[in-house]
Amino acid sequence: MSYWVLWLIIVILLVLMEAATVNLVSIWFIFSGVVSLFVSLFVDSFPVQFAIFVGLGILLMILTKPMLDKMVKEKQEKTNLERIIGMEGVVTVPIKKNTVGEVKVDGKLWSAISSKSIKEGEIVKIDHIESVKLVVEPVIIEKPTPKKKNTTSKKKTTTTKKKTTTTKKPQNKKKASEK
């Protein structure tokens, strides 16, 4: 039996296995099996073909798996429960310390508990979820301090300088007759 037929069967089985799992389990060995199939056409030694199959498969897995995982990794969407963690809501039914109240978050009403008493209408932040209840903490809203107006106003004084010009009187020239 020719070894290329064996490698063809191995490649077909690996392709079927990969199609069934869809987890990129044997993709590297499919490629190394194809290379081993071509090598079997020129080299009659099965141990050499098998060494190429295993060595190339492992090498491809080490070199390309991290890059391939980044490309294939789907963006995970948060579920409703996970999505509201960190959001803020409004208390609709007062929450007493360790007693169930109600909070409206993202347009939906949720049962909520807190380690502190929270009045109706206060804003809370969702910390985490226990069972089917939100665990919330009150949000402290800091009011901006108003800027003080300067009560001492400086008067703007403008001084205008008058331009004084002095005219010199012509000196009397001595009369020519006096000469």
Protein backbone atom coordinates (compact mmCIF):
# COMPACT_ATOMS: atom_id res chain seq x y z
CA MET A 1 0.00 0.00 0.00
CA SER A 2 1.28 3.45 -0.86
CA TYR A 3 1.73 5.83 2.03
CA TRP A 4 0.06 8.70 0.20
CA VAL A 5 -3.29 6.87 0.47
CA LEU A 6 -2.79 6.52 4.23
CA TRP A 7 -2.04 10.25 4.52
CA LEU A 8 -5.09 11.09 2.41
CA ILE A 9 -7.29 9.04 4.76
CA ILE A 10 -5.69 10.73 7.80
CA VAL A 11 -6.29 14.20 6.31
CA ILE A 12 -9.93 13.38 5.50
CA LEU A 13 -10.51 12.08 9.05
CA LEU A 14 -8.91 15.19 10.56
CA VAL A 15 -11.08 17.44 8.36
CA LEU A 16 -14.21 15.58 9.51
CA MET A 17 -13.11 15.82 13.12
CA GLU A 18 -12.46 19.56 12.78
CA ALA A 19 -15.85 20.09 11.13
CA ALA A 20 -17.55 18.25 13.99
CA THR A 21 -15.83 20.18 16.78
CA VAL A 22 -15.39 23.66 15.24
CA ASN A 23 -12.87 24.46 17.98
CA LEU A 24 -9.71 24.50 15.87
CA VAL A 25 -8.50 21.30 17.49
CA SER A 26 -6.85 19.63 14.51
CA ILE A 27 -6.43 22.42 11.94
CA TRP A 28 -2.63 22.38 12.30
CA PHE A 29 -2.44 18.63 11.81
CA ILE A 30 -4.60 18.84 8.70
CA PHE A 31 -1.99 21.09 7.15
CA SER A 32 0.92 18.92 8.34
CA GLY A 33 -0.94 15.84 7.00
CA VAL A 34 -1.19 17.44 3.56
CA VAL A 35 2.55 18.20 3.67
CA SER A 36 3.26 14.59 4.75
CA LEU A 37 1.08 13.37 1.84
CA PHE A 38 3.29 15.28 -0.63
CA VAL A 39 6.47 14.12 1.10
CA SER A 40 5.26 10.48 0.79
CA LEU A 41 5.33 10.88 -3.00
CA PHE A 42 9.11 11.42 -2.87
CA VAL A 43 10.26 9.67 0.34
CA ASP A 44 9.37 6.04 1.05
CA SER A 45 10.23 6.10 4.76
CA PHE A 46 7.09 6.21 6.94
CA PRO A 47 8.99 7.24 10.11
CA VAL A 48 10.31 10.34 8.26
CA GLN A 49 6.80 11.15 7.01
CA PHE A 50 5.35 10.68 10.50
CA ALA A 51 8.09 12.86 12.06
CA ILE A 52 7.24 15.63 9.57
CA PHE A 53 3.53 15.22 10.36
CA VAL A 54 3.97 15.47 14.16
CA GLY A 55 6.78 18.04 14.16
CA LEU A 56 5.16 20.41 11.68
CA GLY A 57 1.76 20.08 13.40
CA ILE A 58 3.18 20.99 16.80
CA LEU A 59 5.29 23.81 15.37
CA LEU A 60 2.29 25.33 13.55
CA MET A 61 0.18 25.06 16.69
CA ILE A 62 2.79 26.86 18.82
CA LEU A 63 3.38 29.61 16.26
CA THR A 64 -0.16 30.34 15.09
CA LYS A 65 -2.58 29.44 17.90
CA PRO A 66 -2.35 32.76 19.83
CA MET A 67 -2.80 34.79 16.63
CA LEU A 68 -5.64 32.58 15.40
CA ASP A 69 -7.41 32.74 18.77
CA LYS A 70 -7.39 36.55 18.61
CA MET A 71 -8.83 36.53 15.10
CA VAL A 72 -11.55 33.98 15.79
CA LYS A 73 -12.47 35.06 19.30
CA GLU A 74 -15.93 36.51 19.19
CA LYS A 75 -16.82 39.57 21.16
CA GLN A 76 -18.82 38.33 24.11
CA GLU A 77 -22.01 40.24 24.72
CA LYS A 78 -23.07 40.76 28.26
CA THR A 79 -26.41 39.39 29.34
CA ASN A 80 -28.98 41.68 30.95
CA LEU A 81 -27.70 40.75 34.38
CA GLU A 82 -24.04 41.35 33.59
CA ARG A 83 -24.79 44.48 31.60
CA ILE A 84 -26.39 46.40 34.46
CA ILE A 85 -23.51 45.91 36.89
CA GLY A 86 -21.96 49.33 37.37
CA MET A 87 -25.03 51.18 36.10
CA GLU A 88 -26.96 53.66 38.18
CA GLY A 89 -30.63 53.38 39.08
CA VAL A 90 -33.31 55.09 41.15
CA VAL A 91 -34.85 53.59 44.27
CA THR A 92 -38.61 53.17 43.76
CA VAL A 93 -39.36 51.28 47.01
CA PRO A 94 -37.21 52.21 50.03
CA ILE A 95 -34.46 49.78 50.92
CA LYS A 96 -33.85 49.17 54.59
CA LYS A 97 -30.59 47.68 55.79
CA ASN A 98 -30.50 44.07 54.49
CA THR A 99 -34.18 44.22 53.52
CA VAL A 100 -35.48 43.95 49.97
CA GLY A 101 -36.54 47.12 48.20
CA GLU A 102 -36.92 48.01 44.54
CA VAL A 103 -34.73 49.84 42.04
CA LYS A 104 -35.42 50.99 38.51
CA VAL A 105 -32.41 50.39 36.27
CA ASP A 106 -32.34 50.73 32.50
CA GLY A 107 -36.12 51.11 32.41
CA LYS A 108 -36.75 47.88 34.35
CA LEU A 109 -37.71 47.28 37.98
CA TRP A 110 -35.44 45.02 40.02
CA SER A 111 -35.49 43.71 43.58
CA ALA A 112 -32.55 45.18 45.45
CA ILE A 113 -30.79 44.95 48.79
CA SER A 114 -28.15 47.07 50.43
CA SER A 115 -26.05 47.13 53.58
CA LYS A 116 -27.35 50.67 54.19
CA SER A 117 -30.83 52.17 54.35
CA ILE A 118 -31.70 54.06 51.18
CA LYS A 119 -34.70 56.33 50.73
CA GLU A 120 -37.06 56.39 47.76
CA GLY A 121 -35.85 58.59 44.92
CA GLU A 122 -32.16 58.28 45.79
CA ILE A 123 -29.67 57.24 43.12
CA VAL A 124 -27.83 53.96 43.61
CA LYS A 125 -25.06 52.12 41.79
CA ILE A 126 -25.34 48.38 41.11
CA ASP A 127 -22.39 46.65 42.76
CA HIS A 128 -23.13 43.01 41.95
CA ILE A 129 -25.95 40.48 41.81
CA GLU A 130 -26.84 37.88 44.43
CA SER A 131 -29.34 35.29 43.29
CA VAL A 132 -32.07 37.40 41.66
CA LYS A 133 -31.49 40.58 43.68
CA LEU A 134 -29.28 43.53 42.89
CA VAL A 135 -26.82 44.55 45.56
CA VAL A 136 -26.67 48.33 45.45
CA GLU A 137 -24.81 51.16 47.13
CA PRO A 138 -26.00 54.76 47.36
CA VAL A 139 -24.33 57.25 45.05
CA ILE A 140 -23.05 60.32 46.80
CA ILE A 141 -23.57 63.32 44.61
CA GLU A 142 -21.24 66.16 45.37
CA LYS A 143 -22.82 69.53 44.82
CA PRO A 144 -20.45 72.00 43.26
CA THR A 145 -19.55 74.77 45.64
CA PRO A 146 -20.66 78.14 44.30
CA LYS A 147 -17.90 80.54 43.51
CA LYS A 148 -17.76 83.51 45.85
CA LYS A 149 -18.17 86.85 44.23
CA ASN A 150 -15.52 89.38 44.97
CA THR A 151 -17.22 91.94 47.22
CA THR A 152 -14.47 94.47 47.02
CA SER A 153 -14.69 95.93 43.61
CA LYS A 154 -11.83 97.89 42.29
CA LYS A 155 -12.71 101.20 40.84
CA LYS A 156 -11.26 101.83 37.52
CA THR A 157 -9.63 105.17 37.59
CA THR A 158 -8.50 106.78 34.46
CA THR A 159 -6.39 109.78 34.47
CA THR A 160 -6.05 111.93 31.49
CA LYS A 161 -3.03 114.01 31.04
CA LYS A 162 -3.56 117.41 29.71
CA LYS A 163 -1.16 118.35 27.09
CA THR A 164 0.32 121.62 27.96
CA THR A 165 2.18 123.49 25.37
CA THR A 166 4.20 126.47 26.05
CA THR A 167 4.95 128.91 23.39
CA LYS A 168 8.17 130.76 23.49
CA LYS A 169 8.05 134.43 23.01
CA PRO A 170 10.35 135.60 20.35
CA GLN A 171 13.26 137.41 21.76
CA ASN A 172 13.33 140.94 20.83
CA LYS A 173 15.99 141.51 18.38
CA LYS A 174 18.02 144.46 18.99
CA LYS A 175 17.06 147.18 16.80
CA ALA A 176 19.36 147.85 14.02
CA SER A 177 19.51 151.41 15.08
CA GLU A 178 21.05 150.54 18.31
CA LYS A 179 23.89 149.01 16.56
